[in-house]
């Protein structure tokens, strides 16, 4: 904000960074989960290979938690006086 960013831009940047990291982890995690369930299904006859409700539910829950976890520091960042931060640095 000391360099001209608006409060909205700071919040968007902090939350965007957190959600990008989360999205990368979710893509990797979902790929590994699908691979693991396929492997387990080959070892356990009669087991369901994919449970879409579990995958969608856990993905949504993780995105919600990541969004809140990114929003809290973003909210704190916009309430700090930029001049004070520059003086302290």
C-alpha atoms as a PDB file:
ATOM      1  CA  UNK A   1       0.000   0.000   0.000  1.00  0.00           C
ATOM      2  CA  UNK A   2       2.992   2.276   0.563  1.00  0.00           C
ATOM      3  CA  UNK A   3       3.806   1.892  -3.128  1.00  0.00           C
ATOM      4  CA  UNK A   4       0.310   2.757  -4.341  1.00  0.00           C
ATOM      5  CA  UNK A   5      -1.662  -0.484  -4.093  1.00  0.00           C
ATOM      6  CA  UNK A   6      -5.243  -0.187  -2.949  1.00  0.00           C
ATOM      7  CA  UNK A   7      -6.649  -2.220  -0.080  1.00  0.00           C
ATOM      8  CA  UNK A   8      -8.575  -4.355  -2.557  1.00  0.00           C
ATOM      9  CA  UNK A   9      -5.413  -5.132  -4.538  1.00  0.00           C
ATOM     10  CA  UNK A  10      -3.534  -6.144  -1.388  1.00  0.00           C
ATOM     11  CA  UNK A  11      -6.341  -8.465  -0.270  1.00  0.00           C
ATOM     12  CA  UNK A  12      -6.640  -9.953  -3.763  1.00  0.00           C
ATOM     13  CA  UNK A  13      -2.890 -10.534  -3.936  1.00  0.00           C
ATOM     14  CA  UNK A  14      -2.627 -12.251  -0.545  1.00  0.00           C
ATOM     15  CA  UNK A  15      -5.704 -14.427  -1.026  1.00  0.00           C
ATOM     16  CA  UNK A  16      -4.713 -15.211  -4.624  1.00  0.00           C
ATOM     17  CA  UNK A  17      -1.275 -16.387  -3.519  1.00  0.00           C
ATOM     18  CA  UNK A  18      -2.749 -18.663  -0.891  1.00  0.00           C
ATOM     19  CA  UNK A  19      -5.347 -20.128  -3.213  1.00  0.00           C
ATOM     20  CA  UNK A  20      -2.812 -20.735  -6.009  1.00  0.00           C
ATOM     21  CA  UNK A  21      -0.679 -22.802  -3.643  1.00  0.00           C
ATOM     22  CA  UNK A  22      -3.788 -24.618  -2.440  1.00  0.00           C
ATOM     23  CA  UNK A  23      -4.939 -25.336  -5.987  1.00  0.00           C
ATOM     24  CA  UNK A  24      -1.557 -26.826  -6.878  1.00  0.00           C
ATOM     25  CA  UNK A  25      -1.702 -29.043  -3.811  1.00  0.00           C
ATOM     26  CA  UNK A  26      -5.264 -30.095  -4.565  1.00  0.00           C
ATOM     27  CA  UNK A  27      -4.432 -31.060  -8.148  1.00  0.00           C
ATOM     28  CA  UNK A  28      -1.491 -33.144  -6.976  1.00  0.00           C
ATOM     29  CA  UNK A  29      -3.479 -34.622  -4.099  1.00  0.00           C
ATOM     30  CA  UNK A  30      -6.459 -35.535  -6.270  1.00  0.00           C
ATOM     31  CA  UNK A  31      -4.178 -37.185  -8.828  1.00  0.00           C
ATOM     32  CA  UNK A  32      -2.523 -39.224  -6.082  1.00  0.00           C
ATOM     33  CA  UNK A  33      -5.895 -40.085  -4.546  1.00  0.00           C
ATOM     34  CA  UNK A  34      -7.253 -41.360  -7.857  1.00  0.00           C
ATOM     35  CA  UNK A  35      -4.086 -43.385  -8.381  1.00  0.00           C
ATOM     36  CA  UNK A  36      -4.227 -44.822  -4.876  1.00  0.00           C
ATOM     37  CA  UNK A  37      -7.896 -45.770  -5.119  1.00  0.00           C
ATOM     38  CA  UNK A  38      -7.286 -47.445  -8.465  1.00  0.00           C
ATOM     39  CA  UNK A  39      -4.438 -49.442  -6.928  1.00  0.00           C
ATOM     40  CA  UNK A  40      -6.530 -50.390  -3.904  1.00  0.00           C
ATOM     41  CA  UNK A  41      -9.476 -51.376  -6.077  1.00  0.00           C
ATOM     42  CA  UNK A  42      -7.244 -53.791  -7.965  1.00  0.00           C
ATOM     43  CA  UNK A  43      -6.191 -55.341  -4.649  1.00  0.00           C
ATOM     44  CA  UNK A  44      -9.662 -55.405  -3.081  1.00  0.00           C
ATOM     45  CA  UNK A  45     -12.326 -56.921  -5.325  1.00  0.00           C
ATOM     46  CA  UNK A  46     -15.706 -55.244  -5.030  1.00  0.00           C
ATOM     47  CA  UNK A  47     -14.324 -51.940  -3.733  1.00  0.00           C
ATOM     48  CA  UNK A  48     -15.555 -48.729  -5.360  1.00  0.00           C
ATOM     49  CA  UNK A  49     -12.822 -47.068  -7.364  1.00  0.00           C
ATOM     50  CA  UNK A  50     -13.904 -43.452  -6.956  1.00  0.00           C
ATOM     51  CA  UNK A  51     -16.219 -41.831  -4.461  1.00  0.00           C
ATOM     52  CA  UNK A  52     -17.112 -38.513  -6.123  1.00  0.00           C
ATOM     53  CA  UNK A  53     -18.951 -37.118  -3.098  1.00  0.00           C
ATOM     54  CA  UNK A  54     -15.883 -37.625  -0.886  1.00  0.00           C
ATOM     55  CA  UNK A  55     -13.528 -36.070  -3.424  1.00  0.00           C
ATOM     56  CA  UNK A  56     -15.751 -33.055  -4.075  1.00  0.00           C
ATOM     57  CA  UNK A  57     -16.557 -32.592  -0.393  1.00  0.00           C
ATOM     58  CA  UNK A  58     -12.964 -32.753   0.768  1.00  0.00           C
ATOM     59  CA  UNK A  59     -11.837 -30.442  -2.048  1.00  0.00           C
ATOM     60  CA  UNK A  60     -14.508 -27.892  -1.165  1.00  0.00           C
ATOM     61  CA  UNK A  61     -13.636 -28.083   2.533  1.00  0.00           C
ATOM     62  CA  UNK A  62      -9.936 -27.565   1.832  1.00  0.00           C
ATOM     63  CA  UNK A  63     -10.652 -24.606  -0.446  1.00  0.00           C
ATOM     64  CA  UNK A  64     -12.865 -23.039   2.220  1.00  0.00           C
ATOM     65  CA  UNK A  65     -10.234 -23.468   4.928  1.00  0.00           C
ATOM     66  CA  UNK A  66      -7.489 -22.147   2.631  1.00  0.00           C
ATOM     67  CA  UNK A  67      -9.629 -19.146   1.721  1.00  0.00           C
ATOM     68  CA  UNK A  68     -10.207 -18.294   5.376  1.00  0.00           C
ATOM     69  CA  UNK A  69      -6.552 -18.931   6.214  1.00  0.00           C
ATOM     70  CA  UNK A  70      -5.550 -16.512   3.429  1.00  0.00           C
ATOM     71  CA  UNK A  71      -8.177 -13.925   4.295  1.00  0.00           C
ATOM     72  CA  UNK A  72      -7.070 -13.506   7.920  1.00  0.00           C
ATOM     73  CA  UNK A  73      -3.537 -12.234   7.119  1.00  0.00           C
ATOM     74  CA  UNK A  74      -4.875 -10.212   4.176  1.00  0.00           C
ATOM     75  CA  UNK A  75      -7.281  -8.467   6.501  1.00  0.00           C
ATOM     76  CA  UNK A  76      -4.451  -7.765   8.917  1.00  0.00           C
ATOM     77  CA  UNK A  77      -2.234  -6.430   6.130  1.00  0.00           C
ATOM     78  CA  UNK A  78      -4.720  -3.750   5.099  1.00  0.00           C
ATOM     79  CA  UNK A  79      -5.099  -2.489   8.670  1.00  0.00           C
ATOM     80  CA  UNK A  80      -1.381  -1.783   9.103  1.00  0.00           C
ATOM     81  CA  UNK A  81      -0.119   1.721   8.505  1.00  0.00           C
ATOM     82  CA  UNK A  82       2.327   1.482   5.552  1.00  0.00           C
ATOM     83  CA  UNK A  83       4.368   4.456   6.756  1.00  0.00           C
ATOM     84  CA  UNK A  84       4.944   2.770  10.107  1.00  0.00           C
ATOM     85  CA  UNK A  85       6.144  -0.407   8.383  1.00  0.00           C
ATOM     86  CA  UNK A  86       8.590   1.590   6.255  1.00  0.00           C
ATOM     87  CA  UNK A  87       9.918   3.382   9.345  1.00  0.00           C
ATOM     88  CA  UNK A  88      10.388   0.113  11.216  1.00  0.00           C
ATOM     89  CA  UNK A  89      12.265  -1.532   8.334  1.00  0.00           C
END
